[in-house]
Amino acid sequence: VMPAPVDGWKVEVTESKLAKPVELHGEKIDEAVSKVTWTADGKGI
């Protein structure tokens, strides 16, 4: 998960451990992005 920059906003990508590892395209992963948060550092919307 990759965010693009947005003027007037800062972004934070949060990853969390998975309750059960999963296999994605031949690879096992035990954590993944669980949340993305955008916070205004100006007037916002």
ModelCIF file with pLDDT and N, C-alpha, C, O atoms, coordinates in Angstrom:
data_MODEL
#
_entry.id   MODEL 
#
_entity.id                         1 
_entity.type                       polymer 
_entity.pdbx_number_of_molecules   1 
#
_entity_poly.entity_id                      1 
_entity_poly.type                           'polypeptide(L)' 
_entity_poly.nstd_linkage                   no 
_entity_poly.nstd_monomer                   no 
_entity_poly.pdbx_seq_one_letter_code       VMPAPVDGWKVEVTESKLAKPVELHGEKIDEAVSKVTWTADGKGI 
_entity_poly.pdbx_seq_one_letter_code_can   VMPAPVDGWKVEVTESKLAKPVELHGEKIDEAVSKVTWTADGKGI 
_entity_poly.pdbx_strand_id                 A 
#
loop_
_entity_poly_seq.entity_id 
_entity_poly_seq.num 
_entity_poly_seq.mon_id 
_entity_poly_seq.hetero 
1 1  VAL n 
1 2  MET n 
1 3  PRO n 
1 4  ALA n 
1 5  PRO n 
1 6  VAL n 
1 7  ASP n 
1 8  GLY n 
1 9  TRP n 
1 10 LYS n 
1 11 VAL n 
1 12 GLU n 
1 13 VAL n 
1 14 THR n 
1 15 GLU n 
1 16 SER n 
1 17 LYS n 
1 18 LEU n 
1 19 ALA n 
1 20 LYS n 
1 21 PRO n 
1 22 VAL n 
1 23 GLU n 
1 24 LEU n 
1 25 HIS n 
1 26 GLY n 
1 27 GLU n 
1 28 LYS n 
1 29 ILE n 
1 30 ASP n 
1 31 GLU n 
1 32 ALA n 
1 33 VAL n 
1 34 SER n 
1 35 LYS n 
1 36 VAL n 
1 37 THR n 
1 38 TRP n 
1 39 THR n 
1 40 ALA n 
1 41 ASP n 
1 42 GLY n 
1 43 LYS n 
1 44 GLY n 
1 45 ILE n 
#
_struct_asym.id          A 
_struct_asym.entity_id   1 
#
loop_
_ma_qa_metric.id 
_ma_qa_metric.mode 
_ma_qa_metric.name 
_ma_qa_metric.software_group_id 
_ma_qa_metric.type 
1 global pLDDT . pLDDT 
2 local  pLDDT . pLDDT 
#
_ma_qa_metric_global.metric_id      1 
_ma_qa_metric_global.metric_value   90.27 
_ma_qa_metric_global.model_id       1 
_ma_qa_metric_global.ordinal_id     1 
#
loop_
_ma_qa_metric_local.label_asym_id 
_ma_qa_metric_local.label_comp_id 
_ma_qa_metric_local.label_seq_id 
_ma_qa_metric_local.metric_id 
_ma_qa_metric_local.metric_value 
_ma_qa_metric_local.model_id 
_ma_qa_metric_local.ordinal_id 
A VAL 1  2 96.00 1 1  
A MET 2  2 97.00 1 2  
A PRO 3  2 97.00 1 3  
A ALA 4  2 97.00 1 4  
A PRO 5  2 96.00 1 5  
A VAL 6  2 97.00 1 6  
A ASP 7  2 96.00 1 7  
A GLY 8  2 97.00 1 8  
A TRP 9  2 98.00 1 9  
A LYS 10 2 98.00 1 10 
A VAL 11 2 98.00 1 11 
A GLU 12 2 98.00 1 12 
A VAL 13 2 97.00 1 13 
A THR 14 2 96.00 1 14 
A GLU 15 2 93.00 1 15 
A SER 16 2 91.00 1 16 
A LYS 17 2 89.00 1 17 
A LEU 18 2 86.00 1 18 
A ALA 19 2 82.00 1 19 
A LYS 20 2 81.00 1 20 
A PRO 21 2 79.00 1 21 
A VAL 22 2 77.00 1 22 
A GLU 23 2 74.00 1 23 
A LEU 24 2 69.00 1 24 
A HIS 25 2 65.00 1 25 
A GLY 26 2 72.00 1 26 
A GLU 27 2 75.00 1 27 
A LYS 28 2 80.00 1 28 
A ILE 29 2 80.00 1 29 
A ASP 30 2 83.00 1 30 
A GLU 31 2 87.00 1 31 
A ALA 32 2 89.00 1 32 
A VAL 33 2 94.00 1 33 
A SER 34 2 95.00 1 34 
A LYS 35 2 97.00 1 35 
A VAL 36 2 98.00 1 36 
A THR 37 2 98.00 1 37 
A TRP 38 2 98.00 1 38 
A THR 39 2 98.00 1 39 
A ALA 40 2 98.00 1 40 
A ASP 41 2 96.00 1 41 
A GLY 42 2 91.00 1 42 
A LYS 43 2 94.00 1 43 
A GLY 44 2 97.00 1 44 
A ILE 45 2 98.00 1 45 
#
loop_
_atom_site.group_PDB 
_atom_site.id 
_atom_site.type_symbol 
_atom_site.label_atom_id 
_atom_site.label_alt_id 
_atom_site.label_comp_id 
_atom_site.label_asym_id 
_atom_site.label_entity_id 
_atom_site.label_seq_id 
_atom_site.pdbx_PDB_ins_code 
_atom_site.Cartn_x 
_atom_site.Cartn_y 
_atom_site.Cartn_z 
_atom_site.occupancy 
_atom_site.B_iso_or_equiv 
_atom_site.pdbx_formal_charge 
_atom_site.auth_seq_id 
_atom_site.auth_comp_id 
_atom_site.auth_asym_id 
_atom_site.auth_atom_id 
_atom_site.pdbx_PDB_model_num 
ATOM 1   N N  . VAL A 1 1  ? 0.870   -1.179  0.000  1.00 96.00 ? 1  VAL A N  1 
ATOM 2   C CA . VAL A 1 1  ? 0.000   0.000   0.000  1.00 96.00 ? 1  VAL A CA 1 
ATOM 3   C C  . VAL A 1 1  ? 0.909   1.232   0.000  1.00 96.00 ? 1  VAL A C  1 
ATOM 4   O O  . VAL A 1 1  ? 1.662   1.453   0.949  1.00 96.00 ? 1  VAL A O  1 
ATOM 5   N N  . MET A 1 2  ? 0.834   2.032   -1.068 1.00 97.00 ? 2  MET A N  1 
ATOM 6   C CA . MET A 1 2  ? 1.693   3.210   -1.184 1.00 97.00 ? 2  MET A CA 1 
ATOM 7   C C  . MET A 1 2  ? 0.836   4.446   -1.454 1.00 97.00 ? 2  MET A C  1 
ATOM 8   O O  . MET A 1 2  ? 0.135   4.505   -2.464 1.00 97.00 ? 2  MET A O  1 
ATOM 9   N N  . PRO A 1 3  ? 0.888   5.429   -0.561 1.00 97.00 ? 3  PRO A N  1 
ATOM 10  C CA . PRO A 1 3  ? 0.116   6.656   -0.777 1.00 97.00 ? 3  PRO A CA 1 
ATOM 11  C C  . PRO A 1 3  ? 0.852   7.640   -1.672 1.00 97.00 ? 3  PRO A C  1 
ATOM 12  O O  . PRO A 1 3  ? 2.082   7.653   -1.730 1.00 97.00 ? 3  PRO A O  1 
ATOM 13  N N  . ALA A 1 4  ? 0.087   8.454   -2.358 1.00 97.00 ? 4  ALA A N  1 
ATOM 14  C CA . ALA A 1 4  ? 0.653   9.568   -3.123 1.00 97.00 ? 4  ALA A CA 1 
ATOM 15  C C  . ALA A 1 4  ? 0.548   10.824  -2.265 1.00 97.00 ? 4  ALA A C  1 
ATOM 16  O O  . ALA A 1 4  ? -0.395  10.945  -1.483 1.00 97.00 ? 4  ALA A O  1 
ATOM 17  N N  . PRO A 1 5  ? 1.480   11.757  -2.385 1.00 96.00 ? 5  PRO A N  1 
ATOM 18  C CA . PRO A 1 5  ? 1.401   12.976  -1.570 1.00 96.00 ? 5  PRO A CA 1 
ATOM 19  C C  . PRO A 1 5  ? 0.180   13.806  -1.945 1.00 96.00 ? 5  PRO A C  1 
ATOM 20  O O  . PRO A 1 5  ? -0.167  13.928  -3.119 1.00 96.00 ? 5  PRO A O  1 
ATOM 21  N N  . VAL A 1 6  ? -0.465  14.376  -0.929 1.00 97.00 ? 6  VAL A N  1 
ATOM 22  C CA . VAL A 1 6  ? -1.621  15.251  -1.120 1.00 97.00 ? 6  VAL A CA 1 
ATOM 23  C C  . VAL A 1 6  ? -1.313  16.570  -0.423 1.00 97.00 ? 6  VAL A C  1 
ATOM 24  O O  . VAL A 1 6  ? -1.044  16.596  0.778  1.00 97.00 ? 6  VAL A O  1 
ATOM 25  N N  . ASP A 1 7  ? -1.353  17.648  -1.166 1.00 96.00 ? 7  ASP A N  1 
ATOM 26  C CA . ASP A 1 7  ? -1.035  18.963  -0.603 1.00 96.00 ? 7  ASP A CA 1 
ATOM 27  C C  . ASP A 1 7  ? -1.967  19.289  0.571  1.00 96.00 ? 7  ASP A C  1 
ATOM 28  O O  . ASP A 1 7  ? -3.186  19.139  0.479  1.00 96.00 ? 7  ASP A O  1 
ATOM 29  N N  . GLY A 1 8  ? -1.361  19.736  1.673  1.00 97.00 ? 8  GLY A N  1 
ATOM 30  C CA . GLY A 1 8  ? -2.137  20.127  2.834  1.00 97.00 ? 8  GLY A CA 1 
ATOM 31  C C  . GLY A 1 8  ? -2.507  18.986  3.759  1.00 97.00 ? 8  GLY A C  1 
ATOM 32  O O  . GLY A 1 8  ? -3.268  19.169  4.709  1.00 97.00 ? 8  GLY A O  1 
ATOM 33  N N  . TRP A 1 9  ? -1.958  17.783  3.477  1.00 98.00 ? 9  TRP A N  1 
ATOM 34  C CA . TRP A 1 9  ? -2.284  16.611  4.300  1.00 98.00 ? 9  TRP A CA 1 
ATOM 35  C C  . TRP A 1 9  ? -1.018  15.799  4.564  1.00 98.00 ? 9  TRP A C  1 
ATOM 36  O O  . TRP A 1 9  ? -0.135  15.694  3.713  1.00 98.00 ? 9  TRP A O  1 
ATOM 37  N N  . LYS A 1 10 ? -0.954  15.228  5.768  1.00 98.00 ? 10 LYS A N  1 
ATOM 38  C CA . LYS A 1 10 ? 0.101   14.268  6.075  1.00 98.00 ? 10 LYS A CA 1 
ATOM 39  C C  . LYS A 1 10 ? -0.550  12.892  6.199  1.00 98.00 ? 10 LYS A C  1 
ATOM 40  O O  . LYS A 1 10 ? -1.685  12.771  6.660  1.00 98.00 ? 10 LYS A O  1 
ATOM 41  N N  . VAL A 1 11 ? 0.178   11.863  5.785  1.00 98.00 ? 11 VAL A N  1 
ATOM 42  C CA . VAL A 1 11 ? -0.398  10.530  5.733  1.00 98.00 ? 11 VAL A CA 1 
ATOM 43  C C  . VAL A 1 11 ? 0.422   9.565   6.581  1.00 98.00 ? 11 VAL A C  1 
ATOM 44  O O  . VAL A 1 11 ? 1.644   9.680   6.668  1.00 98.00 ? 11 VAL A O  1 
ATOM 45  N N  . GLU A 1 12 ? -0.260  8.623   7.196  1.00 98.00 ? 12 GLU A N  1 
ATOM 46  C CA . GLU A 1 12 ? 0.388   7.596   8.015  1.00 98.00 ? 12 GLU A CA 1 
ATOM 47  C C  . GLU A 1 12 ? -0.179  6.232   7.642  1.00 98.00 ? 12 GLU A C  1 
ATOM 48  O O  . GLU A 1 12 ? -1.393  6.028   7.642  1.00 98.00 ? 12 GLU A O  1 
ATOM 49  N N  . VAL A 1 13 ? 0.719   5.301   7.324  1.00 97.00 ? 13 VAL A N  1 
ATOM 50  C CA . VAL A 1 13 ? 0.326   3.937   6.970  1.00 97.00 ? 13 VAL A CA 1 
ATOM 51  C C  . VAL A 1 13 ? 0.631   3.027   8.155  1.00 97.00 ? 13 VAL A C  1 
ATOM 52  O O  . VAL A 1 13 ? 1.772   2.947   8.610  1.00 97.00 ? 13 VAL A O  1 
ATOM 53  N N  . THR A 1 14 ? -0.392  2.347   8.647  1.00 96.00 ? 14 THR A N  1 
ATOM 54  C CA . THR A 1 14 ? -0.246  1.479   9.821  1.00 96.00 ? 14 THR A CA 1 
ATOM 55  C C  . THR A 1 14 ? -0.297  0.017   9.415  1.00 96.00 ? 14 THR A C  1 
ATOM 56  O O  . THR A 1 14 ? -1.229  -0.413  8.734  1.00 96.00 ? 14 THR A O  1 
ATOM 57  N N  . GLU A 1 15 ? 0.702   -0.745  9.831  1.00 93.00 ? 15 GLU A N  1 
ATOM 58  C CA . GLU A 1 15 ? 0.735   -2.187  9.578  1.00 93.00 ? 15 GLU A CA 1 
ATOM 59  C C  . GLU A 1 15 ? 0.475   -2.931  10.888 1.00 93.00 ? 15 GLU A C  1 
ATOM 60  O O  . GLU A 1 15 ? 0.871   -2.478  11.962 1.00 93.00 ? 15 GLU A O  1 
ATOM 61  N N  . SER A 1 16 ? -0.187  -4.062  10.783 1.00 91.00 ? 16 SER A N  1 
ATOM 62  C CA . SER A 1 16 ? -0.514  -4.861  11.966 1.00 91.00 ? 16 SER A CA 1 
ATOM 63  C C  . SER A 1 16 ? -0.234  -6.335  11.690 1.00 91.00 ? 16 SER A C  1 
ATOM 64  O O  . SER A 1 16 ? -0.258  -6.790  10.547 1.00 91.00 ? 16 SER A O  1 
ATOM 65  N N  . LYS A 1 17 ? 0.034   -7.072  12.780 1.00 89.00 ? 17 LYS A N  1 
ATOM 66  C CA . LYS A 1 17 ? 0.238   -8.514  12.670 1.00 89.00 ? 17 LYS A CA 1 
ATOM 67  C C  . LYS A 1 17 ? -1.089  -9.189  12.348 1.00 89.00 ? 17 LYS A C  1 
ATOM 68  O O  . LYS A 1 17 ? -2.132  -8.836  12.898 1.00 89.00 ? 17 LYS A O  1 
ATOM 69  N N  . LEU A 1 18 ? -1.030  -10.158 11.456 1.00 86.00 ? 18 LEU A N  1 
ATOM 70  C CA . LEU A 1 18 ? -2.230  -10.908 11.111 1.00 86.00 ? 18 LEU A CA 1 
ATOM 71  C C  . LEU A 1 18 ? -2.466  -11.998 12.142 1.00 86.00 ? 18 LEU A C  1 
ATOM 72  O O  . LEU A 1 18 ? -1.521  -12.601 12.651 1.00 86.00 ? 18 LEU A O  1 
ATOM 73  N N  . ALA A 1 19 ? -3.716  -12.242 12.442 1.00 82.00 ? 19 ALA A N  1 
ATOM 74  C CA . ALA A 1 19 ? -4.041  -13.299 13.399 1.00 82.00 ? 19 ALA A CA 1 
ATOM 75  C C  . ALA A 1 19 ? -3.550  -14.654 12.900 1.00 82.00 ? 19 ALA A C  1 
ATOM 76  O O  . ALA A 1 19 ? -3.169  -15.524 13.684 1.00 82.00 ? 19 ALA A O  1 
ATOM 77  N N  . LYS A 1 20 ? -3.568  -14.812 11.577 1.00 81.00 ? 20 LYS A N  1 
ATOM 78  C CA . LYS A 1 20 ? -3.095  -16.048 10.968 1.00 81.00 ? 20 LYS A CA 1 
ATOM 79  C C  . LYS A 1 20 ? -2.355  -15.693 9.689  1.00 81.00 ? 20 LYS A C  1 
ATOM 80  O O  . LYS A 1 20 ? -2.921  -15.037 8.814  1.00 81.00 ? 20 LYS A O  1 
ATOM 81  N N  . PRO A 1 21 ? -1.096  -16.114 9.561  1.00 79.00 ? 21 PRO A N  1 
ATOM 82  C CA . PRO A 1 21 ? -0.346  -15.817 8.330  1.00 79.00 ? 21 PRO A CA 1 
ATOM 83  C C  . PRO A 1 21 ? -1.082  -16.344 7.099  1.00 79.00 ? 21 PRO A C  1 
ATOM 84  O O  . PRO A 1 21 ? -1.742  -17.382 7.146  1.00 79.00 ? 21 PRO A O  1 
ATOM 85  N N  . VAL A 1 22 ? -0.954  -15.615 6.017  1.00 77.00 ? 22 VAL A N  1 
ATOM 86  C CA . VAL A 1 22 ? -1.603  -16.031 4.776  1.00 77.00 ? 22 VAL A CA 1 
ATOM 87  C C  . VAL A 1 22 ? -0.561  -16.112 3.671  1.00 77.00 ? 22 VAL A C  1 
ATOM 88  O O  . VAL A 1 22 ? 0.509   -15.510 3.755  1.00 77.00 ? 22 VAL A O  1 
ATOM 89  N N  . GLU A 1 23 ? -0.898  -16.866 2.639  1.00 74.00 ? 23 GLU A N  1 
ATOM 90  C CA . GLU A 1 23 ? 0.003   -17.008 1.499  1.00 74.00 ? 23 GLU A CA 1 
ATOM 91  C C  . GLU A 1 23 ? -0.521  -16.156 0.353  1.00 74.00 ? 23 GLU A C  1 
ATOM 92  O O  . GLU A 1 23 ? -1.659  -16.316 -0.088 1.00 74.00 ? 23 GLU A O  1 
ATOM 93  N N  . LEU A 1 24 ? 0.319   -15.255 -0.118 1.00 69.00 ? 24 LEU A N  1 
ATOM 94  C CA . LEU A 1 24 ? -0.042  -14.383 -1.232 1.00 69.00 ? 24 LEU A CA 1 
ATOM 95  C C  . LEU A 1 24 ? 0.945   -14.583 -2.363 1.00 69.00 ? 24 LEU A C  1 
ATOM 96  O O  . LEU A 1 24 ? 2.121   -14.236 -2.249 1.00 69.00 ? 24 LEU A O  1 
ATOM 97  N N  . HIS A 1 25 ? 0.450   -15.151 -3.464 1.00 65.00 ? 25 HIS A N  1 
ATOM 98  C CA . HIS A 1 25 ? 1.272   -15.360 -4.651 1.00 65.00 ? 25 HIS A CA 1 
ATOM 99  C C  . HIS A 1 25 ? 2.584   -16.089 -4.327 1.00 65.00 ? 25 HIS A C  1 
ATOM 100 O O  . HIS A 1 25 ? 3.668   -15.701 -4.762 1.00 65.00 ? 25 HIS A O  1 
ATOM 101 N N  . GLY A 1 26 ? 2.431   -17.153 -3.551 1.00 72.00 ? 26 GLY A N  1 
ATOM 102 C CA . GLY A 1 26 ? 3.576   -18.000 -3.256 1.00 72.00 ? 26 GLY A CA 1 
ATOM 103 C C  . GLY A 1 26 ? 4.412   -17.570 -2.073 1.00 72.00 ? 26 GLY A C  1 
ATOM 104 O O  . GLY A 1 26 ? 5.382   -18.245 -1.729 1.00 72.00 ? 26 GLY A O  1 
ATOM 105 N N  . GLU A 1 27 ? 4.059   -16.459 -1.437 1.00 75.00 ? 27 GLU A N  1 
ATOM 106 C CA . GLU A 1 27 ? 4.819   -15.983 -0.282 1.00 75.00 ? 27 GLU A CA 1 
ATOM 107 C C  . GLU A 1 27 ? 3.908   -15.883 0.943  1.00 75.00 ? 27 GLU A C  1 
ATOM 108 O O  . GLU A 1 27 ? 2.767   -15.428 0.855  1.00 75.00 ? 27 GLU A O  1 
ATOM 109 N N  . LYS A 1 28 ? 4.439   -16.319 2.085  1.00 80.00 ? 28 LYS A N  1 
ATOM 110 C CA . LYS A 1 28 ? 3.674   -16.224 3.328  1.00 80.00 ? 28 LYS A CA 1 
ATOM 111 C C  . LYS A 1 28 ? 3.979   -14.890 4.008  1.00 80.00 ? 28 LYS A C  1 
ATOM 112 O O  . LYS A 1 28 ? 5.141   -14.515 4.163  1.00 80.00 ? 28 LYS A O  1 
ATOM 113 N N  . ILE A 1 29 ? 2.934   -14.185 4.408  1.00 80.00 ? 29 ILE A N  1 
ATOM 114 C CA . ILE A 1 29 ? 3.104   -12.919 5.120  1.00 80.00 ? 29 ILE A CA 1 
ATOM 115 C C  . ILE A 1 29 ? 2.353   -12.998 6.444  1.00 80.00 ? 29 ILE A C  1 
ATOM 116 O O  . ILE A 1 29 ? 1.290   -13.611 6.541  1.00 80.00 ? 29 ILE A O  1 
ATOM 117 N N  . ASP A 1 30 ? 2.932   -12.362 7.463  1.00 83.00 ? 30 ASP A N  1 
ATOM 118 C CA . ASP A 1 30 ? 2.294   -12.384 8.773  1.00 83.00 ? 30 ASP A CA 1 
ATOM 119 C C  . ASP A 1 30 ? 1.871   -10.986 9.236  1.00 83.00 ? 30 ASP A C  1 
ATOM 120 O O  . ASP A 1 30 ? 1.371   -10.823 10.349 1.00 83.00 ? 30 ASP A O  1 
ATOM 121 N N  . GLU A 1 31 ? 2.073   -9.980  8.376  1.00 87.00 ? 31 GLU A N  1 
ATOM 122 C CA . GLU A 1 31 ? 1.586   -8.653  8.675  1.00 87.00 ? 31 GLU A CA 1 
ATOM 123 C C  . GLU A 1 31 ? 1.209   -7.932  7.386  1.00 87.00 ? 31 GLU A C  1 
ATOM 124 O O  . GLU A 1 31 ? 1.739   -8.227  6.314  1.00 87.00 ? 31 GLU A O  1 
ATOM 125 N N  . ALA A 1 32 ? 0.296   -6.994  7.510  1.00 89.00 ? 32 ALA A N  1 
ATOM 126 C CA . ALA A 1 32 ? -0.185  -6.267  6.338  1.00 89.00 ? 32 ALA A CA 1 
ATOM 127 C C  . ALA A 1 32 ? -0.712  -4.917  6.798  1.00 89.00 ? 32 ALA A C  1 
ATOM 128 O O  . ALA A 1 32 ? -0.887  -4.681  7.994  1.00 89.00 ? 32 ALA A O  1 
ATOM 129 N N  . VAL A 1 33 ? -0.963  -4.033  5.837  1.00 94.00 ? 33 VAL A N  1 
ATOM 130 C CA . VAL A 1 33 ? -1.494  -2.708  6.156  1.00 94.00 ? 33 VAL A CA 1 
ATOM 131 C C  . VAL A 1 33 ? -2.912  -2.856  6.693  1.00 94.00 ? 33 VAL A C  1 
ATOM 132 O O  . VAL A 1 33 ? -3.766  -3.487  6.070  1.00 94.00 ? 33 VAL A O  1 
ATOM 133 N N  . SER A 1 34 ? -3.144  -2.267  7.849  1.00 95.00 ? 34 SER A N  1 
ATOM 134 C CA . SER A 1 34 ? -4.467  -2.339  8.482  1.00 95.00 ? 34 SER A CA 1 
ATOM 135 C C  . SER A 1 34 ? -5.216  -1.015  8.433  1.00 95.00 ? 34 SER A C  1 
ATOM 136 O O  . SER A 1 34 ? -6.440  -0.980  8.563  1.00 95.00 ? 34 SER A O  1 
ATOM 137 N N  . LYS A 1 35 ? -4.461  0.096   8.243  1.00 97.00 ? 35 LYS A N  1 
ATOM 138 C CA . LYS A 1 35 ? -5.141  1.398   8.241  1.00 97.00 ? 35 LYS A CA 1 
ATOM 139 C C  . LYS A 1 35 ? -4.247  2.454   7.602  1.00 97.00 ? 35 LYS A C  1 
ATOM 140 O O  . LYS A 1 35 ? -3.023  2.425   7.732  1.00 97.00 ? 35 LYS A O  1 
ATOM 141 N N  . VAL A 1 36 ? -4.895  3.389   6.907  1.00 98.00 ? 36 VAL A N  1 
ATOM 142 C CA . VAL A 1 36 ? -4.207  4.562   6.377  1.00 98.00 ? 36 VAL A CA 1 
ATOM 143 C C  . VAL A 1 36 ? -4.950  5.795   6.893  1.00 98.00 ? 36 VAL A C  1 
ATOM 144 O O  . VAL A 1 36 ? -6.172  5.885   6.782  1.00 98.00 ? 36 VAL A O  1 
ATOM 145 N N  . THR A 1 37 ? -4.197  6.745   7.460  1.00 98.00 ? 37 THR A N  1 
ATOM 146 C CA . THR A 1 37 ? -4.802  7.930   8.069  1.00 98.00 ? 37 THR A CA 1 
ATOM 147 C C  . THR A 1 37 ? -4.243  9.190   7.424  1.00 98.00 ? 37 THR A C  1 
ATOM 148 O O  . THR A 1 37 ? -3.029  9.378   7.343  1.00 98.00 ? 37 THR A O  1 
ATOM 149 N N  . TRP A 1 38 ? -5.146  10.047  6.970  1.00 98.00 ? 38 TRP A N  1 
ATOM 150 C CA . TRP A 1 38 ? -4.759  11.365  6.455  1.00 98.00 ? 38 TRP A CA 1 
ATOM 151 C C  . TRP A 1 38 ? -5.206  12.431  7.450  1.00 98.00 ? 38 TRP A C  1 
ATOM 152 O O  . TRP A 1 38 ? -6.364  12.447  7.865  1.00 98.00 ? 38 TRP A O  1 
ATOM 153 N N  . THR A 1 39 ? -4.299  13.316  7.831  1.00 98.00 ? 39 THR A N  1 
ATOM 154 C CA . THR A 1 39 ? -4.600  14.385  8.778  1.00 98.00 ? 39 THR A CA 1 
ATOM 155 C C  . THR A 1 39 ? -4.235  15.723  8.145  1.00 98.00 ? 39 THR A C  1 
ATOM 156 O O  . THR A 1 39 ? -3.128  15.893  7.634  1.00 98.00 ? 39 THR A O  1 
ATOM 157 N N  . ALA A 1 40 ? -5.154  16.657  8.180  1.00 98.00 ? 40 ALA A N  1 
ATOM 158 C CA . ALA A 1 40 ? -4.926  17.965  7.560  1.00 98.00 ? 40 ALA A CA 1 
ATOM 159 C C  . ALA A 1 40 ? -3.924  18.761  8.377  1.00 98.00 ? 40 ALA A C  1 
ATOM 160 O O  . ALA A 1 40 ? -4.012  18.805  9.604  1.00 98.00 ? 40 ALA A O  1 
ATOM 161 N N  . ASP A 1 41 ? -2.965  19.393  7.695  1.00 96.00 ? 41 ASP A N  1 
ATOM 162 C CA . ASP A 1 41 ? -2.064  20.317  8.376  1.00 96.00 ? 41 ASP A CA 1 
ATOM 163 C C  . ASP A 1 41 ? -2.348  21.746  7.915  1.00 96.00 ? 41 ASP A C  1 
ATOM 164 O O  . ASP A 1 41 ? -1.526  22.649  8.068  1.00 96.00 ? 41 ASP A O  1 
ATOM 165 N N  . GLY A 1 42 ? -3.541  21.916  7.346  1.00 91.00 ? 42 GLY A N  1 
ATOM 166 C CA . GLY A 1 42 ? -4.001  23.239  6.926  1.00 91.00 ? 42 GLY A CA 1 
ATOM 167 C C  . GLY A 1 42 ? -5.494  23.370  7.203  1.00 91.00 ? 42 GLY A C  1 
ATOM 168 O O  . GLY A 1 42 ? -5.964  23.016  8.285  1.00 91.00 ? 42 GLY A O  1 
ATOM 169 N N  . LYS A 1 43 ? -6.232  23.875  6.229  1.00 94.00 ? 43 LYS A N  1 
ATOM 170 C CA . LYS A 1 43 ? -7.671  24.091  6.414  1.00 94.00 ? 43 LYS A CA 1 
ATOM 171 C C  . LYS A 1 43 ? -8.489  22.813  6.266  1.00 94.00 ? 43 LYS A C  1 
ATOM 172 O O  . LYS A 1 43 ? -9.634  22.762  6.713  1.00 94.00 ? 43 LYS A O  1 
ATOM 173 N N  . GLY A 1 44 ? -7.922  21.788  5.648  1.00 97.00 ? 44 GLY A N  1 
ATOM 174 C CA . GLY A 1 44 ? -8.680  20.567  5.428  1.00 97.00 ? 44 GLY A CA 1 
ATOM 175 C C  . GLY A 1 44 ? -9.644  20.733  4.254  1.00 97.00 ? 44 GLY A C  1 
ATOM 176 O O  . GLY A 1 44 ? -9.437  21.571  3.376  1.00 97.00 ? 44 GLY A O  1 
ATOM 177 N N  . ILE A 1 45 ? -10.698 19.923  4.256  1.00 98.00 ? 45 ILE A N  1 
ATOM 178 C CA . ILE A 1 45 ? -11.716 20.003  3.202  1.00 98.00 ? 45 ILE A CA 1 
ATOM 179 C C  . ILE A 1 45 ? -12.807 20.957  3.688  1.00 98.00 ? 45 ILE A C  1 
ATOM 180 O O  . ILE A 1 45 ? -13.782 21.194  2.975  1.00 98.00 ? 45 ILE A O  1 
#
